Amino acid sequence: MKKQILTLLLVAFTGIFSANAQQTVSGVKVDSKLTVEGETLLLNGAGIREKMWIDLYVGSLYLTAKSSNAKDIMDSKGAAAMKLDIVSGMISSEKMISAVNEGFEKSTNKNTAPLKAKIDKFKSFFKDEIKKGDTFIIANIPGEGVVVLKNGVKKGTIDGHDFKKALFGIWLGAKPADDDLKDGMLGK
């Protein structure tokens, strides 16, 4: 009987610890949950954005329910968030804006004209100095739009599902910023 009770307690404690467990990617502790604008989201997956073998940032994808289907995630109008933890001092405002430009070009198959004003507004959220240790949260909030926060401070909101789909396509589309990061975010 004691053995059964001990086994049950062990299973219960293991379940509690694994439910609250954090994962570490490139030295960044990735939380299992994220709350943005009142929406609580679950970690879907995380990975590292690399360029020439240099870790640039840890990207984490949070959803209401786990999914490994990139198209469904991009098409969804539900709450979702990407968290970017900057791990390199090599990322500057100019480099981030350039990467965003390239990402939208790939995500939209070079058809950025219909989204130009929204893309320009999004890029303005990265104009301030970016330092190692900064955190960006890019969240789709139903009824509000895409909300961007830097280090917990709201930079602004951009409405439109077309924009959200193109934006998430930067990381999850057919030509993602980084294939390994995409796989990591999709929990693969």
N, C-alpha and C. Protein backbone atom coordinates (compact mmCIF):
# COMPACT_ATOMS: atom_id res chain seq x y z
N MET A 1 0.83 -1.19 0.00
CA MET A 1 0.00 0.00 0.00
C MET A 1 0.88 1.26 0.00
N LYS A 2 1.92 1.26 0.85
CA LYS A 2 2.82 2.42 0.90
C LYS A 2 3.48 2.66 -0.45
N LYS A 3 3.84 1.57 -1.11
CA LYS A 3 4.48 1.67 -2.42
C LYS A 3 3.55 2.30 -3.44
N GLN A 4 2.25 1.93 -3.38
CA GLN A 4 1.27 2.49 -4.32
C GLN A 4 1.05 3.98 -4.07
N ILE A 5 0.97 4.36 -2.80
CA ILE A 5 0.77 5.77 -2.45
C ILE A 5 2.00 6.58 -2.90
N LEU A 6 3.19 6.04 -2.62
CA LEU A 6 4.41 6.71 -3.03
C LEU A 6 4.47 6.87 -4.54
N THR A 7 4.08 5.84 -5.27
CA THR A 7 4.05 5.89 -6.73
C THR A 7 3.06 6.95 -7.21
N LEU A 8 1.88 7.00 -6.60
CA LEU A 8 0.88 8.00 -6.97
C LEU A 8 1.38 9.42 -6.70
N LEU A 9 2.02 9.62 -5.56
CA LEU A 9 2.57 10.94 -5.24
C LEU A 9 3.65 11.33 -6.24
N LEU A 10 4.50 10.39 -6.58
CA LEU A 10 5.57 10.65 -7.54
C LEU A 10 4.99 11.04 -8.90
N VAL A 11 3.99 10.31 -9.35
CA VAL A 11 3.33 10.62 -10.62
C VAL A 11 2.68 12.00 -10.55
N ALA A 12 2.02 12.32 -9.43
CA ALA A 12 1.35 13.62 -9.28
C ALA A 12 2.37 14.76 -9.31
N PHE A 13 3.48 14.61 -8.56
CA PHE A 13 4.49 15.65 -8.54
C PHE A 13 5.17 15.80 -9.89
N THR A 14 5.43 14.70 -10.57
CA THR A 14 6.03 14.75 -11.90
C THR A 14 5.12 15.51 -12.85
N GLY A 15 3.81 15.26 -12.78
CA GLY A 15 2.85 15.98 -13.62
C GLY A 15 2.84 17.46 -13.34
N ILE A 16 2.93 17.83 -12.06
CA ILE A 16 2.94 19.26 -11.69
C ILE A 16 4.19 19.92 -12.23
N PHE A 17 5.35 19.28 -12.01
CA PHE A 17 6.59 19.90 -12.45
C PHE A 17 6.68 19.97 -13.97
N SER A 18 6.24 18.96 -14.68
CA SER A 18 6.33 19.00 -16.14
C SER A 18 5.34 20.00 -16.72
N ALA A 19 4.20 20.22 -16.06
CA ALA A 19 3.22 21.19 -16.55
C ALA A 19 3.75 22.61 -16.43
N ASN A 20 4.61 22.86 -15.43
CA ASN A 20 5.15 24.20 -15.22
C ASN A 20 6.60 24.31 -15.70
N ALA A 21 7.09 23.28 -16.33
CA ALA A 21 8.49 23.24 -16.73
C ALA A 21 8.80 24.31 -17.76
N GLN A 22 9.99 24.84 -17.63
CA GLN A 22 10.46 25.78 -18.62
C GLN A 22 11.47 25.05 -19.49
N GLN A 23 11.57 25.52 -20.71
CA GLN A 23 12.56 24.97 -21.61
C GLN A 23 13.60 26.07 -21.79
N THR A 24 14.83 25.70 -22.01
CA THR A 24 15.89 26.69 -22.23
C THR A 24 16.42 26.53 -23.65
N VAL A 25 16.47 27.65 -24.36
CA VAL A 25 16.98 27.67 -25.73
C VAL A 25 18.03 28.78 -25.79
N SER A 26 19.24 28.42 -26.14
CA SER A 26 20.35 29.37 -26.25
C SER A 26 20.47 30.26 -25.01
N GLY A 27 20.27 29.66 -23.83
CA GLY A 27 20.39 30.39 -22.58
C GLY A 27 19.16 31.17 -22.16
N VAL A 28 18.11 31.14 -22.97
CA VAL A 28 16.88 31.87 -22.66
C VAL A 28 15.85 30.89 -22.11
N LYS A 29 15.31 31.21 -20.93
CA LYS A 29 14.24 30.38 -20.36
C LYS A 29 12.94 30.73 -21.07
N VAL A 30 12.36 29.74 -21.71
CA VAL A 30 11.13 29.92 -22.47
C VAL A 30 9.96 29.43 -21.61
N ASP A 31 9.07 30.34 -21.24
CA ASP A 31 7.94 30.00 -20.39
C ASP A 31 6.94 29.11 -21.10
N SER A 32 6.26 28.27 -20.35
CA SER A 32 5.26 27.36 -20.92
C SER A 32 3.96 28.08 -21.24
N LYS A 33 3.76 29.29 -20.65
CA LYS A 33 2.55 30.09 -20.91
C LYS A 33 2.96 31.55 -21.09
N LEU A 34 2.12 32.28 -21.80
CA LEU A 34 2.33 33.70 -22.03
C LEU A 34 0.97 34.37 -22.02
N THR A 35 0.84 35.47 -21.29
CA THR A 35 -0.42 36.22 -21.27
C THR A 35 -0.17 37.58 -21.91
N VAL A 36 -0.97 37.89 -22.95
CA VAL A 36 -0.86 39.15 -23.67
C VAL A 36 -2.26 39.73 -23.82
N GLU A 37 -2.44 40.97 -23.36
CA GLU A 37 -3.73 41.66 -23.49
C GLU A 37 -4.88 40.78 -22.99
N GLY A 38 -4.65 40.08 -21.89
CA GLY A 38 -5.69 39.25 -21.30
C GLY A 38 -5.85 37.86 -21.91
N GLU A 39 -5.10 37.56 -22.96
CA GLU A 39 -5.16 36.25 -23.62
C GLU A 39 -4.02 35.38 -23.08
N THR A 40 -4.36 34.22 -22.51
CA THR A 40 -3.35 33.29 -22.04
C THR A 40 -3.11 32.24 -23.11
N LEU A 41 -1.86 32.11 -23.50
CA LEU A 41 -1.47 31.23 -24.59
C LEU A 41 -0.45 30.21 -24.10
N LEU A 42 -0.43 29.06 -24.77
CA LEU A 42 0.48 27.97 -24.40
C LEU A 42 1.63 27.89 -25.39
N LEU A 43 2.80 27.55 -24.88
CA LEU A 43 3.97 27.39 -25.73
C LEU A 43 3.72 26.28 -26.74
N ASN A 44 3.85 26.61 -28.00
CA ASN A 44 3.73 25.62 -29.08
C ASN A 44 5.11 25.04 -29.39
N GLY A 45 6.11 25.91 -29.38
CA GLY A 45 7.48 25.49 -29.67
C GLY A 45 8.40 26.69 -29.73
N ALA A 46 9.70 26.42 -29.70
CA ALA A 46 10.68 27.50 -29.72
C ALA A 46 11.94 27.03 -30.45
N GLY A 47 12.69 27.98 -30.94
CA GLY A 47 13.93 27.68 -31.62
C GLY A 47 14.82 28.91 -31.68
N ILE A 48 15.91 28.77 -32.37
CA ILE A 48 16.88 29.86 -32.46
C ILE A 48 17.00 30.35 -33.89
N ARG A 49 17.05 31.67 -34.05
CA ARG A 49 17.31 32.27 -35.36
C ARG A 49 18.80 32.46 -35.46
N GLU A 50 19.39 31.78 -36.44
CA GLU A 50 20.83 31.85 -36.64
C GLU A 50 21.13 32.48 -37.98
N LYS A 51 22.29 33.08 -38.04
CA LYS A 51 22.80 33.56 -39.31
C LYS A 51 24.31 33.37 -39.26
N MET A 52 24.82 32.60 -40.19
CA MET A 52 26.25 32.31 -40.26
C MET A 52 26.76 31.77 -38.92
N TRP A 53 26.03 30.83 -38.35
CA TRP A 53 26.37 30.14 -37.10
C TRP A 53 26.36 31.04 -35.87
N ILE A 54 25.75 32.20 -35.99
CA ILE A 54 25.63 33.10 -34.83
C ILE A 54 24.18 33.10 -34.39
N ASP A 55 23.95 32.85 -33.10
CA ASP A 55 22.59 32.91 -32.55
C ASP A 55 22.18 34.38 -32.46
N LEU A 56 21.06 34.73 -33.10
CA LEU A 56 20.58 36.11 -33.10
C LEU A 56 19.45 36.33 -32.09
N TYR A 57 18.42 35.47 -32.15
CA TYR A 57 17.34 35.56 -31.18
C TYR A 57 16.65 34.22 -31.02
N VAL A 58 16.00 34.07 -29.88
CA VAL A 58 15.18 32.90 -29.62
C VAL A 58 13.75 33.28 -29.98
N GLY A 59 13.15 32.48 -30.84
CA GLY A 59 11.76 32.72 -31.25
C GLY A 59 10.86 31.67 -30.63
N SER A 60 9.80 32.10 -29.97
CA SER A 60 8.84 31.19 -29.34
C SER A 60 7.46 31.49 -29.90
N LEU A 61 6.72 30.43 -30.18
CA LEU A 61 5.36 30.57 -30.70
C LEU A 61 4.38 30.10 -29.62
N TYR A 62 3.38 30.93 -29.35
CA TYR A 62 2.35 30.62 -28.36
C TYR A 62 0.98 30.62 -29.03
N LEU A 63 0.19 29.59 -28.73
CA LEU A 63 -1.14 29.44 -29.32
C LEU A 63 -2.14 29.04 -28.23
N THR A 64 -3.42 29.06 -28.57
CA THR A 64 -4.44 28.60 -27.62
C THR A 64 -4.45 27.08 -27.53
N ALA A 65 -4.05 26.40 -28.59
CA ALA A 65 -3.94 24.94 -28.62
C ALA A 65 -2.78 24.57 -29.54
N LYS A 66 -2.02 23.57 -29.16
CA LYS A 66 -0.84 23.19 -29.94
C LYS A 66 -1.21 22.81 -31.37
N SER A 67 -0.31 23.16 -32.30
CA SER A 67 -0.49 22.84 -33.70
C SER A 67 0.87 22.75 -34.38
N SER A 68 1.01 21.84 -35.32
CA SER A 68 2.23 21.76 -36.11
C SER A 68 1.94 22.13 -37.57
N ASN A 69 0.73 22.67 -37.82
CA ASN A 69 0.32 23.03 -39.17
C ASN A 69 0.50 24.53 -39.39
N ALA A 70 1.59 24.90 -40.06
CA ALA A 70 1.92 26.31 -40.26
C ALA A 70 0.81 27.06 -40.98
N LYS A 71 0.23 26.47 -42.01
CA LYS A 71 -0.83 27.15 -42.77
C LYS A 71 -2.04 27.45 -41.89
N ASP A 72 -2.44 26.47 -41.07
CA ASP A 72 -3.57 26.70 -40.16
C ASP A 72 -3.28 27.82 -39.17
N ILE A 73 -2.05 27.88 -38.67
CA ILE A 73 -1.67 28.92 -37.71
C ILE A 73 -1.71 30.29 -38.39
N MET A 74 -1.17 30.39 -39.59
CA MET A 74 -1.17 31.67 -40.31
C MET A 74 -2.59 32.10 -40.67
N ASP A 75 -3.43 31.15 -41.06
CA ASP A 75 -4.80 31.46 -41.47
C ASP A 75 -5.73 31.75 -40.29
N SER A 76 -5.37 31.29 -39.10
CA SER A 76 -6.24 31.43 -37.94
C SER A 76 -6.45 32.90 -37.54
N LYS A 77 -7.66 33.20 -37.14
CA LYS A 77 -7.97 34.53 -36.63
C LYS A 77 -7.94 34.55 -35.10
N GLY A 78 -7.57 33.41 -34.51
CA GLY A 78 -7.51 33.29 -33.06
C GLY A 78 -6.27 33.93 -32.48
N ALA A 79 -6.24 33.97 -31.15
CA ALA A 79 -5.10 34.55 -30.44
C ALA A 79 -3.85 33.70 -30.68
N ALA A 80 -2.74 34.38 -30.90
CA ALA A 80 -1.45 33.74 -31.11
C ALA A 80 -0.37 34.78 -30.87
N ALA A 81 0.81 34.33 -30.48
CA ALA A 81 1.90 35.28 -30.23
C ALA A 81 3.24 34.67 -30.58
N MET A 82 4.13 35.54 -31.01
CA MET A 82 5.52 35.19 -31.21
C MET A 82 6.32 36.06 -30.24
N LYS A 83 7.24 35.42 -29.55
CA LYS A 83 8.12 36.14 -28.64
C LYS A 83 9.53 36.02 -29.17
N LEU A 84 10.21 37.15 -29.32
CA LEU A 84 11.57 37.19 -29.82
C LEU A 84 12.48 37.70 -28.70
N ASP A 85 13.35 36.84 -28.20
CA ASP A 85 14.32 37.22 -27.17
C ASP A 85 15.66 37.42 -27.84
N ILE A 86 16.13 38.66 -27.85
CA ILE A 86 17.39 39.00 -28.53
C ILE A 86 18.57 38.46 -27.71
N VAL A 87 19.40 37.63 -28.34
CA VAL A 87 20.54 37.03 -27.65
C VAL A 87 21.88 37.47 -28.24
N SER A 88 21.86 38.38 -29.19
CA SER A 88 23.09 38.84 -29.83
C SER A 88 23.14 40.36 -29.87
N GLY A 89 24.32 40.88 -29.59
CA GLY A 89 24.53 42.32 -29.71
C GLY A 89 24.69 42.74 -31.16
N MET A 90 24.69 41.77 -32.08
CA MET A 90 24.85 42.08 -33.50
C MET A 90 23.55 42.56 -34.13
N ILE A 91 22.43 42.42 -33.42
CA ILE A 91 21.16 42.89 -33.98
C ILE A 91 21.01 44.37 -33.67
N SER A 92 20.81 45.15 -34.71
CA SER A 92 20.57 46.58 -34.56
C SER A 92 19.18 46.89 -35.11
N SER A 93 18.74 48.08 -34.87
CA SER A 93 17.46 48.52 -35.40
C SER A 93 17.45 48.41 -36.92
N GLU A 94 18.53 48.87 -37.54
CA GLU A 94 18.62 48.84 -39.00
C GLU A 94 18.59 47.41 -39.53
N LYS A 95 19.30 46.51 -38.88
CA LYS A 95 19.33 45.11 -39.33
C LYS A 95 17.98 44.43 -39.13
N MET A 96 17.30 44.76 -38.04
CA MET A 96 15.98 44.18 -37.79
C MET A 96 14.99 44.67 -38.85
N ILE A 97 15.01 45.95 -39.16
CA ILE A 97 14.10 46.50 -40.17
C ILE A 97 14.39 45.89 -41.53
N SER A 98 15.67 45.73 -41.85
CA SER A 98 16.04 45.10 -43.12
C SER A 98 15.54 43.65 -43.18
N ALA A 99 15.67 42.92 -42.07
CA ALA A 99 15.20 41.53 -42.02
C ALA A 99 13.68 41.47 -42.14
N VAL A 100 12.98 42.44 -41.54
CA VAL A 100 11.52 42.50 -41.64
C VAL A 100 11.12 42.75 -43.10
N ASN A 101 11.81 43.68 -43.77
CA ASN A 101 11.54 43.94 -45.20
C ASN A 101 11.69 42.66 -46.02
N GLU A 102 12.80 41.98 -45.82
CA GLU A 102 13.07 40.74 -46.56
C GLU A 102 12.01 39.68 -46.22
N GLY A 103 11.64 39.59 -44.96
CA GLY A 103 10.64 38.62 -44.53
C GLY A 103 9.29 38.85 -45.18
N PHE A 104 8.85 40.10 -45.23
CA PHE A 104 7.57 40.40 -45.88
C PHE A 104 7.63 40.15 -47.38
N GLU A 105 8.77 40.43 -48.00
CA GLU A 105 8.92 40.15 -49.43
C GLU A 105 8.72 38.65 -49.71
N LYS A 106 9.36 37.81 -48.88
CA LYS A 106 9.24 36.36 -49.05
C LYS A 106 7.84 35.88 -48.69
N SER A 107 7.29 36.41 -47.62
CA SER A 107 5.99 35.96 -47.12
C SER A 107 4.85 36.28 -48.09
N THR A 108 4.98 37.39 -48.81
CA THR A 108 3.91 37.82 -49.72
C THR A 108 4.23 37.55 -51.19
N ASN A 109 5.30 36.80 -51.45
CA ASN A 109 5.76 36.58 -52.84
C ASN A 109 5.96 37.91 -53.56
N LYS A 110 6.59 38.84 -52.88
CA LYS A 110 6.94 40.17 -53.39
C LYS A 110 5.73 41.04 -53.69
N ASN A 111 4.60 40.76 -53.04
CA ASN A 111 3.39 41.57 -53.23
C ASN A 111 3.09 42.34 -51.94
N THR A 112 4.01 43.21 -51.57
CA THR A 112 3.86 43.97 -50.33
C THR A 112 3.04 45.25 -50.50
N ALA A 113 2.79 45.68 -51.73
CA ALA A 113 2.11 46.95 -51.98
C ALA A 113 0.78 47.09 -51.21
N PRO A 114 -0.10 46.07 -51.21
CA PRO A 114 -1.36 46.24 -50.48
C PRO A 114 -1.19 46.42 -48.96
N LEU A 115 -0.04 46.03 -48.45
CA LEU A 115 0.20 46.11 -47.00
C LEU A 115 1.23 47.18 -46.63
N LYS A 116 1.63 48.00 -47.60
CA LYS A 116 2.74 48.94 -47.40
C LYS A 116 2.58 49.80 -46.15
N ALA A 117 1.44 50.43 -45.95
CA ALA A 117 1.25 51.31 -44.79
C ALA A 117 1.35 50.53 -43.48
N LYS A 118 0.80 49.32 -43.46
CA LYS A 118 0.85 48.49 -42.25
C LYS A 118 2.27 48.00 -41.98
N ILE A 119 2.98 47.62 -43.03
CA ILE A 119 4.37 47.17 -42.89
C ILE A 119 5.24 48.32 -42.38
N ASP A 120 5.04 49.52 -42.94
CA ASP A 120 5.81 50.69 -42.49
C ASP A 120 5.55 50.98 -41.01
N LYS A 121 4.29 50.87 -40.59
CA LYS A 121 3.96 51.09 -39.18
C LYS A 121 4.65 50.04 -38.32
N PHE A 122 4.60 48.77 -38.75
CA PHE A 122 5.25 47.69 -38.01
C PHE A 122 6.74 47.95 -37.88
N LYS A 123 7.40 48.33 -38.97
CA LYS A 123 8.84 48.59 -38.93
C LYS A 123 9.17 49.73 -37.96
N SER A 124 8.26 50.68 -37.81
CA SER A 124 8.52 51.81 -36.90
C SER A 124 8.66 51.34 -35.45
N PHE A 125 8.10 50.18 -35.12
CA PHE A 125 8.20 49.65 -33.76
C PHE A 125 9.62 49.18 -33.43
N PHE A 126 10.48 49.08 -34.45
CA PHE A 126 11.85 48.62 -34.25
C PHE A 126 12.87 49.75 -34.42
N LYS A 127 12.39 51.00 -34.52
CA LYS A 127 13.31 52.11 -34.80
C LYS A 127 14.20 52.48 -33.61
N ASP A 128 13.75 52.21 -32.39
CA ASP A 128 14.59 52.49 -31.22
C ASP A 128 15.71 51.46 -31.13
N GLU A 129 16.77 51.83 -30.42
CA GLU A 129 17.91 50.93 -30.28
C GLU A 129 17.48 49.55 -29.78
N ILE A 130 18.06 48.52 -30.37
CA ILE A 130 17.81 47.14 -29.96
C ILE A 130 19.10 46.61 -29.34
N LYS A 131 18.95 46.03 -28.14
CA LYS A 131 20.11 45.53 -27.42
C LYS A 131 19.93 44.06 -27.06
N LYS A 132 21.03 43.39 -26.82
CA LYS A 132 21.00 42.02 -26.32
C LYS A 132 20.19 42.04 -25.02
N GLY A 133 19.25 41.10 -24.89
CA GLY A 133 18.40 41.04 -23.71
C GLY A 133 17.02 41.64 -23.93
N ASP A 134 16.84 42.39 -25.02
CA ASP A 134 15.51 42.93 -25.33
C ASP A 134 14.56 41.80 -25.70
N THR A 135 13.28 42.02 -25.44
CA THR A 135 12.25 41.04 -25.78
C THR A 135 11.13 41.74 -26.53
N PHE A 136 10.76 41.15 -27.66
CA PHE A 136 9.61 41.64 -28.43
C PHE A 136 8.52 40.58 -28.37
N ILE A 137 7.29 41.01 -28.17
CA ILE A 137 6.14 40.12 -28.27
C ILE A 137 5.26 40.67 -29.38
N ILE A 138 4.95 39.81 -30.33
CA ILE A 138 4.11 40.15 -31.47
C ILE A 138 2.90 39.24 -31.39
N ALA A 139 1.75 39.81 -31.02
CA ALA A 139 0.58 38.98 -30.72
C ALA A 139 -0.63 39.37 -31.55
N ASN A 140 -1.32 38.36 -32.05
CA ASN A 140 -2.60 38.58 -32.71
C ASN A 140 -3.69 38.46 -31.64
N ILE A 141 -4.41 39.55 -31.42
CA ILE A 141 -5.47 39.58 -30.41
C ILE A 141 -6.80 39.78 -31.14
N PRO A 142 -7.69 38.78 -31.09
CA PRO A 142 -8.98 38.90 -31.78
C PRO A 142 -9.72 40.18 -31.37
N GLY A 143 -10.26 40.88 -32.37
CA GLY A 143 -10.99 42.11 -32.12
C GLY A 143 -10.10 43.33 -31.96
N GLU A 144 -8.78 43.13 -31.88
CA GLU A 144 -7.86 44.24 -31.69
C GLU A 144 -6.86 44.34 -32.84
N GLY A 145 -6.27 43.23 -33.23
CA GLY A 145 -5.27 43.22 -34.28
C GLY A 145 -3.95 42.69 -33.76
N VAL A 146 -2.87 43.02 -34.46
CA VAL A 146 -1.54 42.61 -34.05
C VAL A 146 -0.98 43.66 -33.10
N VAL A 147 -0.68 43.23 -31.89
CA VAL A 147 -0.13 44.09 -30.85
C VAL A 147 1.35 43.79 -30.73
N VAL A 148 2.17 44.84 -30.65
CA VAL A 148 3.61 44.67 -30.51
C VAL A 148 4.07 45.32 -29.21
N LEU A 149 4.82 44.54 -28.42
CA LEU A 149 5.39 45.04 -27.18
C LEU A 149 6.90 44.86 -27.21
N LYS A 150 7.60 45.83 -26.67
CA LYS A 150 9.06 45.72 -26.51
C LYS A 150 9.34 45.85 -25.02
N ASN A 151 9.95 44.82 -24.47
CA ASN A 151 10.26 44.79 -23.04
C ASN A 151 9.04 45.13 -22.19
N GLY A 152 7.88 44.63 -22.59
CA GLY A 152 6.65 44.82 -21.84
C GLY A 152 5.91 46.11 -22.11
N VAL A 153 6.47 46.98 -22.94
CA VAL A 153 5.84 48.27 -23.25
C VAL A 153 5.18 48.18 -24.63
N LYS A 154 3.92 48.51 -24.66
CA LYS A 154 3.17 48.43 -25.92
C LYS A 154 3.66 49.50 -26.89
N LYS A 155 4.07 49.05 -28.08
CA LYS A 155 4.55 49.97 -29.12
C LYS A 155 3.42 50.39 -30.05
N GLY A 156 2.41 49.51 -30.21
CA GLY A 156 1.29 49.86 -31.08
C GLY A 156 0.52 48.63 -31.52
N THR A 157 -0.51 48.90 -32.31
CA THR A 157 -1.40 47.85 -32.82
C THR A 157 -1.64 48.07 -34.31
N ILE A 158 -1.72 46.98 -35.04
CA ILE A 158 -2.01 47.04 -36.47
C ILE A 158 -3.15 46.08 -36.73
N ASP A 159 -4.22 46.60 -37.34
CA ASP A 159 -5.38 45.74 -37.58
C ASP A 159 -5.28 45.05 -38.94
N GLY A 160 -6.12 44.05 -39.13
CA GLY A 160 -6.22 43.38 -40.41
C GLY A 160 -5.64 41.98 -40.41
N HIS A 161 -6.49 41.03 -40.77
CA HIS A 161 -6.06 39.64 -40.84
C HIS A 161 -5.04 39.43 -41.96
N ASP A 162 -5.14 40.21 -43.03
CA ASP A 162 -4.17 40.10 -44.12
C ASP A 162 -2.76 40.39 -43.62
N PHE A 163 -2.65 41.39 -42.77
CA PHE A 163 -1.35 41.74 -42.20
C PHE A 163 -0.84 40.62 -41.28
N LYS A 164 -1.70 40.12 -40.40
CA LYS A 164 -1.33 39.06 -39.47
C LYS A 164 -0.82 37.85 -40.23
N LYS A 165 -1.52 37.47 -41.28
CA LYS A 165 -1.14 36.30 -42.07
C LYS A 165 0.24 36.49 -42.70
N ALA A 166 0.49 37.65 -43.29
CA ALA A 166 1.80 37.94 -43.90
C ALA A 166 2.89 38.01 -42.84
N LEU A 167 2.58 38.61 -41.70
CA LEU A 167 3.55 38.74 -40.62
C LEU A 167 3.97 37.37 -40.08
N PHE A 168 3.01 36.53 -39.74
CA PHE A 168 3.34 35.20 -39.23
C PHE A 168 4.01 34.36 -40.31
N GLY A 169 3.75 34.69 -41.58
CA GLY A 169 4.40 34.01 -42.69
C GLY A 169 5.90 34.23 -42.74
N ILE A 170 6.38 35.32 -42.12
CA ILE A 170 7.83 35.57 -42.07
C ILE A 170 8.53 34.38 -41.41
N TRP A 171 7.93 33.83 -40.36
CA TRP A 171 8.54 32.73 -39.62
C TRP A 171 7.96 31.37 -40.00
N LEU A 172 6.70 31.34 -40.46
CA LEU A 172 6.03 30.06 -40.67
C LEU A 172 5.69 29.77 -42.13
N GLY A 173 5.97 30.70 -43.02
CA GLY A 173 5.60 30.55 -44.42
C GLY A 173 6.48 29.56 -45.17
N ALA A 174 6.22 29.48 -46.49
CA ALA A 174 6.95 28.55 -47.36
C ALA A 174 8.44 28.91 -47.47
N LYS A 175 8.75 30.21 -47.30
CA LYS A 175 10.14 30.69 -47.34
C LYS A 175 10.43 31.40 -46.02
N PRO A 176 10.54 30.65 -44.92
CA PRO A 176 10.70 31.27 -43.60
C PRO A 176 12.07 31.92 -43.40
N ALA A 177 12.13 32.77 -42.39
CA ALA A 177 13.41 33.42 -42.05
C ALA A 177 14.48 32.38 -41.73
N ASP A 178 14.07 31.25 -41.13
CA ASP A 178 15.00 30.20 -40.74
C ASP A 178 14.22 28.89 -40.65
N ASP A 179 14.60 27.90 -41.45
CA ASP A 179 13.88 26.62 -41.47
C ASP A 179 13.89 25.92 -40.12
N ASP A 180 15.05 25.93 -39.44
CA ASP A 180 15.14 25.26 -38.15
C ASP A 180 14.29 25.97 -37.10
N LEU A 181 14.27 27.30 -37.15
CA LEU A 181 13.43 28.07 -36.22
C LEU A 181 11.96 27.75 -36.47
N LYS A 182 11.55 27.67 -37.73
CA LYS A 182 10.17 27.31 -38.06
C LYS A 182 9.82 25.96 -37.46
N ASP A 183 10.70 24.97 -37.67
CA ASP A 183 10.45 23.64 -37.12
C ASP A 183 10.34 23.68 -35.60
N GLY A 184 11.21 24.45 -34.96
CA GLY A 184 11.18 24.59 -33.51
C GLY A 184 9.87 25.20 -33.02
N MET A 185 9.43 26.26 -33.69
CA MET A 185 8.18 26.92 -33.31
C MET A 185 6.97 26.01 -33.51
N LEU A 186 7.07 25.14 -34.50
CA LEU A 186 5.98 24.20 -34.77
C LEU A 186 6.06 22.95 -33.90
N GLY A 187 7.05 22.92 -32.99
CA GLY A 187 7.19 21.80 -32.07
C GLY A 187 7.73 20.53 -32.72
N LYS A 188 8.44 20.69 -33.82
CA LYS A 188 8.97 19.51 -34.54
C LYS A 188 10.38 19.19 -34.10
